[in-house]
């Protein structure tokens, strides 16, 4: 079995079940923060879930923590901090 890192599927799950779910306590005026801990590149694509664009539209602050000895890094911009 291949190692899977279904990052976009996980973000989609959190959006639907936490951030977009009033029964779970979601409110439009709340500050929303999502912490993603990953061991590598996503094995799924965001085309199916559109999770990043949905997160942006909802002003969800995202922090991504990589926990692998070898991590592919997006080139730093003003919105990325590599430690």
C-alpha atoms as a PDB file:
ATOM      1  CA  UNK A   1       0.000   0.000   0.000  1.00  0.00           C
ATOM      2  CA  UNK A   2       1.368   3.397  -0.981  1.00  0.00           C
ATOM      3  CA  UNK A   3       1.792   6.114   1.586  1.00  0.00           C
ATOM      4  CA  UNK A   4      -1.020   8.605   1.221  1.00  0.00           C
ATOM      5  CA  UNK A   5      -1.093  12.215   2.265  1.00  0.00           C
ATOM      6  CA  UNK A   6      -4.649  13.318   1.482  1.00  0.00           C
ATOM      7  CA  UNK A   7      -4.112  16.923   2.481  1.00  0.00           C
ATOM      8  CA  UNK A   8      -6.839  18.477   0.342  1.00  0.00           C
ATOM      9  CA  UNK A   9      -9.379  15.844   1.384  1.00  0.00           C
ATOM     10  CA  UNK A  10      -8.550  16.584   5.039  1.00  0.00           C
ATOM     11  CA  UNK A  11      -8.933  20.348   4.532  1.00  0.00           C
ATOM     12  CA  UNK A  12     -12.258  19.740   2.762  1.00  0.00           C
ATOM     13  CA  UNK A  13     -13.425  17.619   5.721  1.00  0.00           C
ATOM     14  CA  UNK A  14     -12.547  20.366   8.216  1.00  0.00           C
ATOM     15  CA  UNK A  15     -14.217  23.049   6.091  1.00  0.00           C
ATOM     16  CA  UNK A  16     -17.472  21.094   5.802  1.00  0.00           C
ATOM     17  CA  UNK A  17     -17.620  19.671   9.308  1.00  0.00           C
ATOM     18  CA  UNK A  18     -16.153  22.515  11.382  1.00  0.00           C
ATOM     19  CA  UNK A  19     -15.841  25.887   9.640  1.00  0.00           C
ATOM     20  CA  UNK A  20     -19.042  25.655   7.536  1.00  0.00           C
ATOM     21  CA  UNK A  21     -21.157  23.750  10.073  1.00  0.00           C
ATOM     22  CA  UNK A  22     -23.329  25.929  12.307  1.00  0.00           C
ATOM     23  CA  UNK A  23     -24.340  22.848  14.315  1.00  0.00           C
ATOM     24  CA  UNK A  24     -20.653  22.487  15.245  1.00  0.00           C
ATOM     25  CA  UNK A  25     -20.590  26.099  16.445  1.00  0.00           C
ATOM     26  CA  UNK A  26     -19.330  27.833  13.293  1.00  0.00           C
ATOM     27  CA  UNK A  27     -20.116  31.542  13.114  1.00  0.00           C
ATOM     28  CA  UNK A  28     -19.396  33.985  10.307  1.00  0.00           C
ATOM     29  CA  UNK A  29     -17.620  36.488  12.562  1.00  0.00           C
ATOM     30  CA  UNK A  30     -15.259  34.035  14.298  1.00  0.00           C
ATOM     31  CA  UNK A  31     -11.514  34.109  13.663  1.00  0.00           C
ATOM     32  CA  UNK A  32     -10.751  30.852  11.878  1.00  0.00           C
ATOM     33  CA  UNK A  33      -7.350  29.186  12.067  1.00  0.00           C
ATOM     34  CA  UNK A  34      -6.360  25.892  10.457  1.00  0.00           C
ATOM     35  CA  UNK A  35      -3.125  24.110  11.391  1.00  0.00           C
ATOM     36  CA  UNK A  36      -2.038  21.473   8.890  1.00  0.00           C
ATOM     37  CA  UNK A  37       0.637  18.988   9.933  1.00  0.00           C
ATOM     38  CA  UNK A  38       1.949  16.990   7.004  1.00  0.00           C
ATOM     39  CA  UNK A  39       4.687  14.491   6.255  1.00  0.00           C
ATOM     40  CA  UNK A  40       5.038  15.339   2.587  1.00  0.00           C
ATOM     41  CA  UNK A  41       3.493  16.449  -0.674  1.00  0.00           C
ATOM     42  CA  UNK A  42      -0.253  15.882  -1.029  1.00  0.00           C
ATOM     43  CA  UNK A  43      -1.119  12.666  -2.837  1.00  0.00           C
ATOM     44  CA  UNK A  44      -4.468  14.157  -3.819  1.00  0.00           C
ATOM     45  CA  UNK A  45      -5.166  17.267  -5.884  1.00  0.00           C
ATOM     46  CA  UNK A  46      -7.177  20.326  -4.971  1.00  0.00           C
ATOM     47  CA  UNK A  47      -9.085  20.287  -8.279  1.00  0.00           C
ATOM     48  CA  UNK A  48     -11.726  18.005  -6.782  1.00  0.00           C
ATOM     49  CA  UNK A  49     -12.095  19.777  -3.437  1.00  0.00           C
ATOM     50  CA  UNK A  50     -11.260  23.425  -4.200  1.00  0.00           C
ATOM     51  CA  UNK A  51     -10.288  23.621  -0.524  1.00  0.00           C
ATOM     52  CA  UNK A  52      -7.586  26.283  -0.772  1.00  0.00           C
ATOM     53  CA  UNK A  53      -9.801  28.740  -2.651  1.00  0.00           C
ATOM     54  CA  UNK A  54     -12.675  28.051  -0.210  1.00  0.00           C
ATOM     55  CA  UNK A  55     -10.305  28.643   2.726  1.00  0.00           C
ATOM     56  CA  UNK A  56      -9.178  31.934   1.209  1.00  0.00           C
ATOM     57  CA  UNK A  57     -12.763  33.113   0.632  1.00  0.00           C
ATOM     58  CA  UNK A  58     -13.570  32.428   4.292  1.00  0.00           C
ATOM     59  CA  UNK A  59     -10.420  34.268   5.458  1.00  0.00           C
ATOM     60  CA  UNK A  60      -9.154  31.151   7.225  1.00  0.00           C
ATOM     61  CA  UNK A  61      -5.620  31.627   8.502  1.00  0.00           C
ATOM     62  CA  UNK A  62      -3.528  28.575   7.583  1.00  0.00           C
ATOM     63  CA  UNK A  63      -0.333  27.334   9.194  1.00  0.00           C
ATOM     64  CA  UNK A  64       1.426  24.349   7.629  1.00  0.00           C
ATOM     65  CA  UNK A  65       3.952  22.324   9.608  1.00  0.00           C
ATOM     66  CA  UNK A  66       6.121  19.842   7.726  1.00  0.00           C
ATOM     67  CA  UNK A  67       7.396  16.863   9.723  1.00  0.00           C
ATOM     68  CA  UNK A  68       9.677  15.058   7.315  1.00  0.00           C
ATOM     69  CA  UNK A  69      13.450  14.942   6.963  1.00  0.00           C
ATOM     70  CA  UNK A  70      13.015  15.979   3.326  1.00  0.00           C
ATOM     71  CA  UNK A  71      10.362  18.588   2.641  1.00  0.00           C
ATOM     72  CA  UNK A  72       9.564  20.196  -0.692  1.00  0.00           C
ATOM     73  CA  UNK A  73       9.171  23.863   0.065  1.00  0.00           C
ATOM     74  CA  UNK A  74       7.227  26.451  -1.860  1.00  0.00           C
ATOM     75  CA  UNK A  75       9.590  29.343  -2.554  1.00  0.00           C
ATOM     76  CA  UNK A  76       9.191  31.915   0.246  1.00  0.00           C
ATOM     77  CA  UNK A  77       7.021  34.971  -0.304  1.00  0.00           C
ATOM     78  CA  UNK A  78       5.732  37.577   2.077  1.00  0.00           C
ATOM     79  CA  UNK A  79       3.117  35.040   3.201  1.00  0.00           C
ATOM     80  CA  UNK A  80       5.496  32.136   3.848  1.00  0.00           C
ATOM     81  CA  UNK A  81       7.954  31.763   6.688  1.00  0.00           C
ATOM     82  CA  UNK A  82      10.420  28.896   6.586  1.00  0.00           C
ATOM     83  CA  UNK A  83      12.087  27.994   9.872  1.00  0.00           C
END
